[in-house]
Amino acid sequence: MTELAVDVNSLRILRAIADQGTITGAAGALGIGQPAVSQHVRRLERRLGTALLDRTGRGVRLTEAGEALARHGATVGAALRAATAEVSALTGLRAGRVRLVAFPSSTATLVPRALVALRDAHPGLRVTLDEAEPPQALAMVRNGVCDVAVAFAYPGAGLGRGEDDLDGLVTRHLLDEPTLVALPEGHAAASAENLSLADLADEPWIAGCPRCRGHLLSAADACGFEPEIAYATDDYVAVLALVAAGLGVALLPDLVRPVAERQPGVVMRRAAGTSHRSVHAVTAPDLLRVPAVAATLDALALAV
């Protein structure tokens, strides 16, 4: 084994696999293709002369050697963030760069307002934007792929897949937003007083992202029914189009309401039995002292 058999990128990849539990999940968290991750691990195994992954079954499990390297990956990731933070703090806001990742419905309203404020206040600051749902977004912050993540949580379901997903990260609460029912215009419930989720028990439902789908199932169960999910899509614009076509009803966060109000044929209503969800900005502790990151967090908070 040569001195350069293991590089920083290898450690980051194994750390991501340990965090995500699958090669596909690790690829998403790192922002690279799944074949590239698989090939990199195979090349590393050949260089080291030992297996790093147990590929039995549908998922993957790190071997003892793989777990050892993954532990070092967490340390290396923290060191790289600290080094980047120190250099970025010296450049300030004159030529800073922030990699922002956010969930889709926040990119419809909240994030654009923040980006406009940043552009106007700090013309030299460059912000890049990608979309990802909360668990993947948190992994991207942890693995150094992005600097700030905008994530959400429903009651009973945290920002990540488990409590340890927030270890080594810091969060800033941005807002609590209600969940609304999207109905076809002309639907009897669109003008009903004191609407309840239970009133829609017999309707076909259009489900959103996996977390939103989980909230729908949980809320419906609390109201005494199991929703018939006729369609499912992660694209909230597609959800609105399906509702407008009269193909079903849906639960959508309030952040989508400005878009829904521009969609002909859709009515957004509050309904008893739904829950608020909380929206947070997440970053690493080392990055808090980076002026560009601090300015981005402030802009997100003021954009609410």
C-alpha atoms as a PDB file:
ATOM      1  CA  MET A   1       0.000   0.000   0.000  1.00  0.00           C
ATOM      2  CA  THR A   2       1.508   3.326  -1.064  1.00  0.00           C
ATOM      3  CA  GLU A   3       1.290   6.516   0.925  1.00  0.00           C
ATOM      4  CA  LEU A   4      -1.271   7.939  -1.521  1.00  0.00           C
ATOM      5  CA  ALA A   5      -3.519   4.877  -1.645  1.00  0.00           C
ATOM      6  CA  VAL A   6      -6.214   6.780   0.283  1.00  0.00           C
ATOM      7  CA  ASP A   7      -7.019  10.372  -0.625  1.00  0.00           C
ATOM      8  CA  VAL A   8      -9.414  12.940   0.807  1.00  0.00           C
ATOM      9  CA  ASN A   9     -12.071  12.220  -1.806  1.00  0.00           C
ATOM     10  CA  SER A  10     -12.047   8.526  -0.921  1.00  0.00           C
ATOM     11  CA  LEU A  11     -12.614   9.309   2.747  1.00  0.00           C
ATOM     12  CA  ARG A  12     -15.496  11.657   1.906  1.00  0.00           C
ATOM     13  CA  ILE A  13     -17.136   9.008  -0.291  1.00  0.00           C
ATOM     14  CA  LEU A  14     -16.952   6.317   2.400  1.00  0.00           C
ATOM     15  CA  ARG A  15     -18.280   8.779   4.989  1.00  0.00           C
ATOM     16  CA  ALA A  16     -21.225   9.528   2.701  1.00  0.00           C
ATOM     17  CA  ILE A  17     -21.929   5.801   2.210  1.00  0.00           C
ATOM     18  CA  ALA A  18     -21.870   5.332   5.982  1.00  0.00           C
ATOM     19  CA  ASP A  19     -24.313   8.250   6.426  1.00  0.00           C
ATOM     20  CA  GLN A  20     -26.692   7.294   3.613  1.00  0.00           C
ATOM     21  CA  GLY A  21     -26.590   3.491   3.726  1.00  0.00           C
ATOM     22  CA  THR A  22     -26.587   3.159  -0.073  1.00  0.00           C
ATOM     23  CA  ILE A  23     -24.260   4.078  -2.915  1.00  0.00           C
ATOM     24  CA  THR A  24     -27.104   5.923  -4.647  1.00  0.00           C
ATOM     25  CA  GLY A  25     -27.785   7.972  -1.526  1.00  0.00           C
ATOM     26  CA  ALA A  26     -24.086   8.751  -1.116  1.00  0.00           C
ATOM     27  CA  ALA A  27     -23.875   9.887  -4.740  1.00  0.00           C
ATOM     28  CA  GLY A  28     -26.822  12.226  -4.230  1.00  0.00           C
ATOM     29  CA  ALA A  29     -25.366  13.650  -1.020  1.00  0.00           C
ATOM     30  CA  LEU A  30     -22.046  14.302  -2.757  1.00  0.00           C
ATOM     31  CA  GLY A  31     -23.584  15.675  -5.924  1.00  0.00           C
ATOM     32  CA  ILE A  32     -21.930  13.119  -8.221  1.00  0.00           C
ATOM     33  CA  GLY A  33     -23.144  10.174 -10.272  1.00  0.00           C
ATOM     34  CA  GLN A  34     -23.778   6.746  -8.761  1.00  0.00           C
ATOM     35  CA  PRO A  35     -21.501   4.943 -11.273  1.00  0.00           C
ATOM     36  CA  ALA A  36     -18.651   7.289 -10.348  1.00  0.00           C
ATOM     37  CA  VAL A  37     -19.013   6.410  -6.653  1.00  0.00           C
ATOM     38  CA  SER A  38     -19.080   2.665  -7.394  1.00  0.00           C
ATOM     39  CA  GLN A  39     -16.025   2.873  -9.636  1.00  0.00           C
ATOM     40  CA  HIS A  40     -14.101   4.970  -7.127  1.00  0.00           C
ATOM     41  CA  VAL A  41     -14.752   2.455  -4.333  1.00  0.00           C
ATOM     42  CA  ARG A  42     -13.728  -0.476  -6.528  1.00  0.00           C
ATOM     43  CA  ARG A  43     -10.470   1.263  -7.504  1.00  0.00           C
ATOM     44  CA  LEU A  44      -9.771   2.023  -3.845  1.00  0.00           C
ATOM     45  CA  GLU A  45     -10.408  -1.611  -2.900  1.00  0.00           C
ATOM     46  CA  ARG A  46      -7.924  -2.751  -5.552  1.00  0.00           C
ATOM     47  CA  ARG A  47      -5.298  -0.301  -4.309  1.00  0.00           C
ATOM     48  CA  LEU A  48      -5.756  -1.338  -0.685  1.00  0.00           C
ATOM     49  CA  GLY A  49      -6.137  -5.052  -1.437  1.00  0.00           C
ATOM     50  CA  THR A  50      -9.194  -5.424   0.792  1.00  0.00           C
ATOM     51  CA  ALA A  51     -12.984  -5.145   0.565  1.00  0.00           C
ATOM     52  CA  LEU A  52     -14.516  -1.936   1.890  1.00  0.00           C
ATOM     53  CA  LEU A  53     -18.160  -2.755   1.178  1.00  0.00           C
ATOM     54  CA  ASP A  54     -20.297  -5.817   1.726  1.00  0.00           C
ATOM     55  CA  ARG A  55     -22.565  -5.769  -1.338  1.00  0.00           C
ATOM     56  CA  THR A  56     -24.914  -8.596  -0.362  1.00  0.00           C
ATOM     57  CA  GLY A  57     -28.602  -7.811  -0.687  1.00  0.00           C
ATOM     58  CA  ARG A  58     -30.077  -4.600  -2.079  1.00  0.00           C
ATOM     59  CA  GLY A  59     -28.061  -2.236   0.101  1.00  0.00           C
ATOM     60  CA  VAL A  60     -24.429  -2.059   1.111  1.00  0.00           C
ATOM     61  CA  ARG A  61     -22.672  -2.373   4.446  1.00  0.00           C
ATOM     62  CA  LEU A  62     -19.225  -1.119   5.272  1.00  0.00           C
ATOM     63  CA  THR A  63     -16.680  -3.741   6.223  1.00  0.00           C
ATOM     64  CA  GLU A  64     -14.451  -3.182   9.247  1.00  0.00           C
ATOM     65  CA  ALA A  65     -11.858  -1.565   6.986  1.00  0.00           C
ATOM     66  CA  GLY A  66     -14.521   0.590   5.364  1.00  0.00           C
ATOM     67  CA  GLU A  67     -15.828   1.751   8.732  1.00  0.00           C
ATOM     68  CA  ALA A  68     -12.318   2.734   9.795  1.00  0.00           C
ATOM     69  CA  LEU A  69     -11.853   4.906   6.725  1.00  0.00           C
ATOM     70  CA  ALA A  70     -15.347   6.386   7.108  1.00  0.00           C
ATOM     71  CA  ARG A  71     -14.492   7.520  10.647  1.00  0.00           C
ATOM     72  CA  HIS A  72     -11.483   9.371   9.283  1.00  0.00           C
ATOM     73  CA  GLY A  73     -13.740  10.830   6.594  1.00  0.00           C
ATOM     74  CA  ALA A  74     -15.747  12.669   9.256  1.00  0.00           C
ATOM     75  CA  THR A  75     -12.550  14.146  10.721  1.00  0.00           C
ATOM     76  CA  VAL A  76     -11.227  15.174   7.313  1.00  0.00           C
ATOM     77  CA  GLY A  77     -14.545  16.774   6.401  1.00  0.00           C
ATOM     78  CA  ALA A  78     -14.479  18.876   9.564  1.00  0.00           C
ATOM     79  CA  ALA A  79     -10.860  19.913   8.910  1.00  0.00           C
ATOM     80  CA  LEU A  80     -11.638  20.953   5.334  1.00  0.00           C
ATOM     81  CA  ARG A  81     -14.630  23.014   6.481  1.00  0.00           C
ATOM     82  CA  ALA A  82     -12.498  24.707   9.139  1.00  0.00           C
ATOM     83  CA  ALA A  83      -9.771  25.540   6.622  1.00  0.00           C
ATOM     84  CA  THR A  84     -12.291  26.871   4.108  1.00  0.00           C
ATOM     85  CA  ALA A  85     -13.993  28.900   6.821  1.00  0.00           C
ATOM     86  CA  GLU A  86     -10.729  30.512   7.884  1.00  0.00           C
ATOM     87  CA  VAL A  87      -9.817  31.532   4.343  1.00  0.00           C
ATOM     88  CA  SER A  88     -13.357  32.697   3.579  1.00  0.00           C
ATOM     89  CA  ALA A  89     -13.410  34.805   6.727  1.00  0.00           C
ATOM     90  CA  LEU A  90     -10.370  36.678   5.396  1.00  0.00           C
ATOM     91  CA  THR A  91     -12.047  37.507   2.086  1.00  0.00           C
ATOM     92  CA  GLY A  92     -15.270  38.636   3.771  1.00  0.00           C
ATOM     93  CA  LEU A  93     -18.191  39.543   1.533  1.00  0.00           C
ATOM     94  CA  ARG A  94     -16.134  41.035  -1.281  1.00  0.00           C
ATOM     95  CA  ALA A  95     -15.746  37.821  -3.232  1.00  0.00           C
ATOM     96  CA  GLY A  96     -17.391  35.136  -1.126  1.00  0.00           C
ATOM     97  CA  ARG A  97     -19.190  32.060  -2.387  1.00  0.00           C
ATOM     98  CA  VAL A  98     -22.019  30.136  -0.738  1.00  0.00           C
ATOM     99  CA  ARG A  99     -23.371  26.791  -1.936  1.00  0.00           C
ATOM    100  CA  LEU A 100     -27.051  26.693  -0.975  1.00  0.00           C
ATOM    101  CA  VAL A 101     -29.339  23.665  -1.208  1.00  0.00           C
ATOM    102  CA  ALA A 102     -33.078  23.886  -0.541  1.00  0.00           C
ATOM    103  CA  PHE A 103     -36.229  21.802  -0.828  1.00  0.00           C
ATOM    104  CA  PRO A 104     -38.383  22.544  -3.917  1.00  0.00           C
ATOM    105  CA  SER A 105     -41.314  24.434  -2.380  1.00  0.00           C
ATOM    106  CA  SER A 106     -38.942  26.861  -0.639  1.00  0.00           C
ATOM    107  CA  THR A 107     -37.356  27.703  -3.990  1.00  0.00           C
ATOM    108  CA  ALA A 108     -40.734  29.028  -5.144  1.00  0.00           C
ATOM    109  CA  THR A 109     -40.879  31.950  -2.709  1.00  0.00           C
ATOM    110  CA  LEU A 110     -38.572  32.040   0.326  1.00  0.00           C
ATOM    111  CA  VAL A 111     -35.242  31.366  -1.384  1.00  0.00           C
ATOM    112  CA  PRO A 112     -35.685  33.794  -4.327  1.00  0.00           C
ATOM    113  CA  ARG A 113     -36.475  36.641  -1.912  1.00  0.00           C
ATOM    114  CA  ALA A 114     -33.312  35.855   0.051  1.00  0.00           C
ATOM    115  CA  LEU A 115     -31.181  35.666  -3.101  1.00  0.00           C
ATOM    116  CA  VAL A 116     -32.441  39.019  -4.339  1.00  0.00           C
ATOM    117  CA  ALA A 117     -31.631  40.626  -0.976  1.00  0.00           C
ATOM    118  CA  LEU A 118     -28.123  39.123  -1.044  1.00  0.00           C
ATOM    119  CA  ARG A 119     -27.507  40.299  -4.609  1.00  0.00           C
ATOM    120  CA  ASP A 120     -28.574  43.841  -3.756  1.00  0.00           C
ATOM    121  CA  ALA A 121     -26.653  44.077  -0.471  1.00  0.00           C
ATOM    122  CA  HIS A 122     -23.509  42.182  -1.512  1.00  0.00           C
ATOM    123  CA  PRO A 123     -22.927  42.305  -5.297  1.00  0.00           C
ATOM    124  CA  GLY A 124     -19.590  40.478  -4.961  1.00  0.00           C
ATOM    125  CA  LEU A 125     -21.162  37.487  -3.229  1.00  0.00           C
ATOM    126  CA  ARG A 126     -21.831  34.438  -5.423  1.00  0.00           C
ATOM    127  CA  VAL A 127     -24.526  31.979  -4.374  1.00  0.00           C
ATOM    128  CA  THR A 128     -25.175  28.682  -6.163  1.00  0.00           C
ATOM    129  CA  LEU A 129     -28.431  26.785  -5.649  1.00  0.00           C
ATOM    130  CA  ASP A 130     -29.370  23.104  -5.847  1.00  0.00           C
ATOM    131  CA  GLU A 131     -32.540  21.302  -4.767  1.00  0.00           C
ATOM    132  CA  ALA A 132     -32.701  18.374  -2.336  1.00  0.00           C
ATOM    133  CA  GLU A 133     -35.103  17.026   0.266  1.00  0.00           C
ATOM    134  CA  PRO A 134     -34.052  17.390   3.944  1.00  0.00           C
ATOM    135  CA  PRO A 135     -32.198  14.118   4.701  1.00  0.00           C
ATOM    136  CA  GLN A 136     -30.059  14.413   1.589  1.00  0.00           C
ATOM    137  CA  ALA A 137     -29.537  18.152   2.159  1.00  0.00           C
ATOM    138  CA  LEU A 138     -28.213  17.560   5.688  1.00  0.00           C
ATOM    139  CA  ALA A 139     -25.783  14.947   4.366  1.00  0.00           C
ATOM    140  CA  MET A 140     -24.592  17.437   1.750  1.00  0.00           C
ATOM    141  CA  VAL A 141     -23.762  19.960   4.502  1.00  0.00           C
ATOM    142  CA  ARG A 142     -22.058  17.299   6.598  1.00  0.00           C
ATOM    143  CA  ASN A 143     -19.979  16.076   3.662  1.00  0.00           C
ATOM    144  CA  GLY A 144     -18.929  19.556   2.585  1.00  0.00           C
ATOM    145  CA  VAL A 145     -20.902  19.526  -0.681  1.00  0.00           C
ATOM    146  CA  CYS A 146     -22.904  22.599   0.348  1.00  0.00           C
ATOM    147  CA  ASP A 147     -22.597  25.339   2.960  1.00  0.00           C
ATOM    148  CA  VAL A 148     -26.221  26.039   3.885  1.00  0.00           C
ATOM    149  CA  ALA A 149     -29.298  23.824   3.603  1.00  0.00           C
ATOM    150  CA  VAL A 150     -32.919  24.878   3.895  1.00  0.00           C
ATOM    151  CA  ALA A 151     -34.843  21.946   5.376  1.00  0.00           C
ATOM    152  CA  PHE A 152     -38.241  21.234   6.912  1.00  0.00           C
ATOM    153  CA  ALA A 153     -39.716  18.965   9.566  1.00  0.00           C
ATOM    154  CA  TYR A 154     -43.231  17.832  10.436  1.00  0.00           C
ATOM    155  CA  PRO A 155     -44.330  17.078  14.008  1.00  0.00           C
ATOM    156  CA  GLY A 156     -42.972  13.666  14.989  1.00  0.00           C
ATOM    157  CA  ALA A 157     -40.428  13.645  12.150  1.00  0.00           C
ATOM    158  CA  GLY A 158     -37.140  15.522  12.554  1.00  0.00           C
ATOM    159  CA  LEU A 159     -35.088  17.287   9.919  1.00  0.00           C
ATOM    160  CA  GLY A 160     -33.038  14.168   9.197  1.00  0.00           C
ATOM    161  CA  ARG A 161     -33.605  10.440   9.316  1.00  0.00           C
ATOM    162  CA  GLY A 162     -32.666  10.318  13.004  1.00  0.00           C
ATOM    163  CA  GLU A 163     -31.549  12.509  15.888  1.00  0.00           C
ATOM    164  CA  ASP A 164     -27.870  11.894  15.115  1.00  0.00           C
ATOM    165  CA  ASP A 165     -28.332  13.475  11.663  1.00  0.00           C
ATOM    166  CA  LEU A 166     -27.914  16.870  13.342  1.00  0.00           C
ATOM    167  CA  ASP A 167     -24.741  15.946  15.245  1.00  0.00           C
ATOM    168  CA  GLY A 168     -22.054  18.469  14.351  1.00  0.00           C
ATOM    169  CA  LEU A 169     -24.527  20.785  12.608  1.00  0.00           C
ATOM    170  CA  VAL A 170     -26.292  23.960  13.726  1.00  0.00           C
ATOM    171  CA  THR A 171     -29.839  25.006  12.835  1.00  0.00           C
ATOM    172  CA  ARG A 172     -31.615  28.338  12.629  1.00  0.00           C
ATOM    173  CA  HIS A 173     -35.395  28.329  12.798  1.00  0.00           C
ATOM    174  CA  LEU A 174     -36.916  30.318   9.946  1.00  0.00           C
ATOM    175  CA  LEU A 175     -40.679  29.846  10.194  1.00  0.00           C
ATOM    176  CA  ASP A 176     -43.619  27.612  11.021  1.00  0.00           C
ATOM    177  CA  GLU A 177     -46.041  27.285   8.130  1.00  0.00           C
ATOM    178  CA  PRO A 178     -49.496  25.691   7.960  1.00  0.00           C
ATOM    179  CA  THR A 179     -50.364  22.825   5.652  1.00  0.00           C
ATOM    180  CA  LEU A 180     -53.267  23.631   3.326  1.00  0.00           C
ATOM    181  CA  VAL A 181     -55.702  21.513   1.334  1.00  0.00           C
ATOM    182  CA  ALA A 182     -55.602  22.067  -2.428  1.00  0.00           C
ATOM    183  CA  LEU A 183     -59.035  21.540  -4.012  1.00  0.00           C
ATOM    184  CA  PRO A 184     -60.367  21.773  -7.575  1.00  0.00           C
ATOM    185  CA  GLU A 185     -62.267  24.986  -8.140  1.00  0.00           C
ATOM    186  CA  GLY A 186     -65.971  24.208  -7.838  1.00  0.00           C
ATOM    187  CA  HIS A 187     -65.405  21.357  -5.388  1.00  0.00           C
ATOM    188  CA  ALA A 188     -68.104  21.316  -2.712  1.00  0.00           C
ATOM    189  CA  ALA A 189     -65.510  21.650   0.038  1.00  0.00           C
ATOM    190  CA  ALA A 190     -63.938  24.718  -1.594  1.00  0.00           C
ATOM    191  CA  SER A 191     -66.565  26.973  -0.043  1.00  0.00           C
ATOM    192  CA  ALA A 192     -67.506  24.868   2.981  1.00  0.00           C
ATOM    193  CA  GLU A 193     -67.266  26.409   6.429  1.00  0.00           C
ATOM    194  CA  ASN A 194     -65.143  24.741   9.115  1.00  0.00           C
ATOM    195  CA  LEU A 195     -63.503  22.305   6.693  1.00  0.00           C
ATOM    196  CA  SER A 196     -61.913  19.221   8.232  1.00  0.00           C
ATOM    197  CA  LEU A 197     -59.527  16.715   6.732  1.00  0.00           C
ATOM    198  CA  ALA A 198     -62.063  14.035   7.641  1.00  0.00           C
ATOM    199  CA  ASP A 199     -64.553  15.664   5.242  1.00  0.00           C
ATOM    200  CA  LEU A 200     -62.272  14.557   2.397  1.00  0.00           C
ATOM    201  CA  ALA A 201     -61.913  10.925   3.485  1.00  0.00           C
ATOM    202  CA  ASP A 202     -63.566   9.579   0.320  1.00  0.00           C
ATOM    203  CA  GLU A 203     -61.593  11.739  -2.112  1.00  0.00           C
ATOM    204  CA  PRO A 204     -58.734  10.498  -4.308  1.00  0.00           C
ATOM    205  CA  TRP A 205     -55.499  12.064  -3.052  1.00  0.00           C
ATOM    206  CA  ILE A 206     -52.416  13.323  -4.822  1.00  0.00           C
ATOM    207  CA  ALA A 207     -49.336  12.727  -2.652  1.00  0.00           C
ATOM    208  CA  GLY A 208     -46.150  14.766  -2.721  1.00  0.00           C
ATOM    209  CA  CYS A 209     -42.585  14.080  -1.555  1.00  0.00           C
ATOM    210  CA  PRO A 210     -42.007  11.076   0.758  1.00  0.00           C
ATOM    211  CA  ARG A 211     -42.033  13.259   3.903  1.00  0.00           C
ATOM    212  CA  CYS A 212     -45.169  15.088   2.798  1.00  0.00           C
ATOM    213  CA  ARG A 213     -46.752  11.734   1.983  1.00  0.00           C
ATOM    214  CA  GLY A 214     -45.902  10.547   5.486  1.00  0.00           C
ATOM    215  CA  HIS A 215     -47.568  13.627   6.951  1.00  0.00           C
ATOM    216  CA  LEU A 216     -50.704  12.976   4.870  1.00  0.00           C
ATOM    217  CA  LEU A 217     -50.896   9.372   6.074  1.00  0.00           C
ATOM    218  CA  SER A 218     -50.303  10.384   9.704  1.00  0.00           C
ATOM    219  CA  ALA A 219     -52.845  13.214   9.626  1.00  0.00           C
ATOM    220  CA  ALA A 220     -55.459  11.058   7.908  1.00  0.00           C
ATOM    221  CA  ASP A 221     -54.928   8.255  10.423  1.00  0.00           C
ATOM    222  CA  ALA A 222     -55.489  10.726  13.271  1.00  0.00           C
ATOM    223  CA  CYS A 223     -58.742  11.737  11.562  1.00  0.00           C
ATOM    224  CA  GLY A 224     -59.879   8.116  11.291  1.00  0.00           C
ATOM    225  CA  PHE A 225     -59.359   7.262   7.630  1.00  0.00           C
ATOM    226  CA  GLU A 226     -56.801   5.913   5.193  1.00  0.00           C
ATOM    227  CA  PRO A 227     -56.425   8.125   2.121  1.00  0.00           C
ATOM    228  CA  GLU A 228     -56.709   6.624  -1.349  1.00  0.00           C
ATOM    229  CA  ILE A 229     -53.515   7.869  -3.024  1.00  0.00           C
ATOM    230  CA  ALA A 230     -54.357   7.945  -6.697  1.00  0.00           C
ATOM    231  CA  TYR A 231     -51.259   9.824  -7.873  1.00  0.00           C
ATOM    232  CA  ALA A 232     -47.854  10.646  -6.413  1.00  0.00           C
ATOM    233  CA  THR A 233     -45.268  13.149  -7.607  1.00  0.00           C
ATOM    234  CA  ASP A 234     -42.475  15.126  -5.967  1.00  0.00           C
ATOM    235  CA  ASP A 235     -43.189  18.078  -8.281  1.00  0.00           C
ATOM    236  CA  TYR A 236     -45.617  20.452  -6.537  1.00  0.00           C
ATOM    237  CA  VAL A 237     -46.369  22.173  -9.867  1.00  0.00           C
ATOM    238  CA  ALA A 238     -47.532  18.802 -11.195  1.00  0.00           C
ATOM    239  CA  VAL A 239     -49.605  18.302  -8.022  1.00  0.00           C
ATOM    240  CA  LEU A 240     -51.369  21.620  -8.663  1.00  0.00           C
ATOM    241  CA  ALA A 241     -52.011  20.669 -12.297  1.00  0.00           C
ATOM    242  CA  LEU A 242     -53.544  17.344 -11.250  1.00  0.00           C
ATOM    243  CA  VAL A 243     -55.756  19.091  -8.705  1.00  0.00           C
ATOM    244  CA  ALA A 244     -56.822  21.706 -11.275  1.00  0.00           C
ATOM    245  CA  ALA A 245     -57.783  18.877 -13.639  1.00  0.00           C
ATOM    246  CA  GLY A 246     -60.160  17.520 -10.984  1.00  0.00           C
ATOM    247  CA  LEU A 247     -58.171  14.311 -10.483  1.00  0.00           C
ATOM    248  CA  GLY A 248     -57.917  14.598  -6.725  1.00  0.00           C
ATOM    249  CA  VAL A 249     -57.132  16.743  -3.701  1.00  0.00           C
ATOM    250  CA  ALA A 250     -53.787  17.313  -2.009  1.00  0.00           C
ATOM    251  CA  LEU A 251     -52.009  18.632   1.076  1.00  0.00           C
ATOM    252  CA  LEU A 252     -49.499  21.361   0.280  1.00  0.00           C
ATOM    253  CA  PRO A 253     -47.375  23.682   2.440  1.00  0.00           C
ATOM    254  CA  ASP A 254     -48.241  27.358   2.683  1.00  0.00           C
ATOM    255  CA  LEU A 255     -45.016  28.269   0.849  1.00  0.00           C
ATOM    256  CA  VAL A 256     -46.672  26.939  -2.313  1.00  0.00           C
ATOM    257  CA  ARG A 257     -49.751  29.152  -1.915  1.00  0.00           C
ATOM    258  CA  PRO A 258     -48.457  32.093  -4.039  1.00  0.00           C
ATOM    259  CA  VAL A 259     -47.842  29.661  -6.896  1.00  0.00           C
ATOM    260  CA  ALA A 260     -51.201  27.950  -6.354  1.00  0.00           C
ATOM    261  CA  GLU A 261     -53.018  31.290  -6.501  1.00  0.00           C
ATOM    262  CA  ARG A 262     -51.647  31.763 -10.020  1.00  0.00           C
ATOM    263  CA  GLN A 263     -52.828  28.288 -11.056  1.00  0.00           C
ATOM    264  CA  PRO A 264     -56.339  28.461 -12.585  1.00  0.00           C
ATOM    265  CA  GLY A 265     -58.751  25.895 -11.186  1.00  0.00           C
ATOM    266  CA  VAL A 266     -57.163  25.449  -7.723  1.00  0.00           C
ATOM    267  CA  VAL A 267     -58.456  26.648  -4.349  1.00  0.00           C
ATOM    268  CA  MET A 268     -56.274  26.490  -1.214  1.00  0.00           C
ATOM    269  CA  ARG A 269     -58.111  26.032   2.096  1.00  0.00           C
ATOM    270  CA  ARG A 270     -57.150  25.564   5.728  1.00  0.00           C
ATOM    271  CA  ALA A 271     -58.587  22.396   7.242  1.00  0.00           C
ATOM    272  CA  ALA A 272     -58.759  21.019  10.761  1.00  0.00           C
ATOM    273  CA  GLY A 273     -56.588  17.946  11.262  1.00  0.00           C
ATOM    274  CA  THR A 274     -53.501  19.195   9.429  1.00  0.00           C
ATOM    275  CA  SER A 275     -50.245  20.245  11.099  1.00  0.00           C
ATOM    276  CA  HIS A 276     -47.761  23.056  10.725  1.00  0.00           C
ATOM    277  CA  ARG A 277     -44.273  22.232   9.538  1.00  0.00           C
ATOM    278  CA  SER A 278     -41.131  24.010  10.648  1.00  0.00           C
ATOM    279  CA  VAL A 279     -38.534  25.349   8.217  1.00  0.00           C
ATOM    280  CA  HIS A 280     -34.888  25.700   9.233  1.00  0.00           C
ATOM    281  CA  ALA A 281     -31.544  26.768   7.801  1.00  0.00           C
ATOM    282  CA  VAL A 282     -28.747  24.294   8.572  1.00  0.00           C
ATOM    283  CA  THR A 283     -24.989  24.771   8.390  1.00  0.00           C
ATOM    284  CA  ALA A 284     -21.772  23.595  10.041  1.00  0.00           C
ATOM    285  CA  PRO A 285     -20.413  25.369  13.167  1.00  0.00           C
ATOM    286  CA  ASP A 286     -17.141  26.292  11.425  1.00  0.00           C
ATOM    287  CA  LEU A 287     -19.052  28.118   8.707  1.00  0.00           C
ATOM    288  CA  LEU A 288     -20.923  30.414  11.084  1.00  0.00           C
ATOM    289  CA  ARG A 289     -17.946  32.773  11.185  1.00  0.00           C
ATOM    290  CA  VAL A 290     -17.755  32.977   7.398  1.00  0.00           C
ATOM    291  CA  PRO A 291     -19.271  36.374   6.490  1.00  0.00           C
ATOM    292  CA  ALA A 292     -20.886  35.043   3.304  1.00  0.00           C
ATOM    293  CA  VAL A 293     -22.604  32.206   5.169  1.00  0.00           C
ATOM    294  CA  ALA A 294     -23.727  34.517   7.986  1.00  0.00           C
ATOM    295  CA  ALA A 295     -25.165  36.942   5.430  1.00  0.00           C
ATOM    296  CA  THR A 296     -27.029  34.085   3.718  1.00  0.00           C
ATOM    297  CA  LEU A 297     -28.560  32.926   7.009  1.00  0.00           C
ATOM    298  CA  ASP A 298     -29.650  36.496   7.796  1.00  0.00           C
ATOM    299  CA  ALA A 299     -31.147  36.922   4.332  1.00  0.00           C
ATOM    300  CA  LEU A 300     -33.139  33.696   4.664  1.00  0.00           C
ATOM    301  CA  ALA A 301     -34.467  34.800   8.065  1.00  0.00           C
ATOM    302  CA  LEU A 302     -35.490  38.224   6.735  1.00  0.00           C
ATOM    303  CA  ALA A 303     -37.143  36.696   3.640  1.00  0.00           C
ATOM    304  CA  VAL A 304     -39.813  34.993   5.729  1.00  0.00           C
END
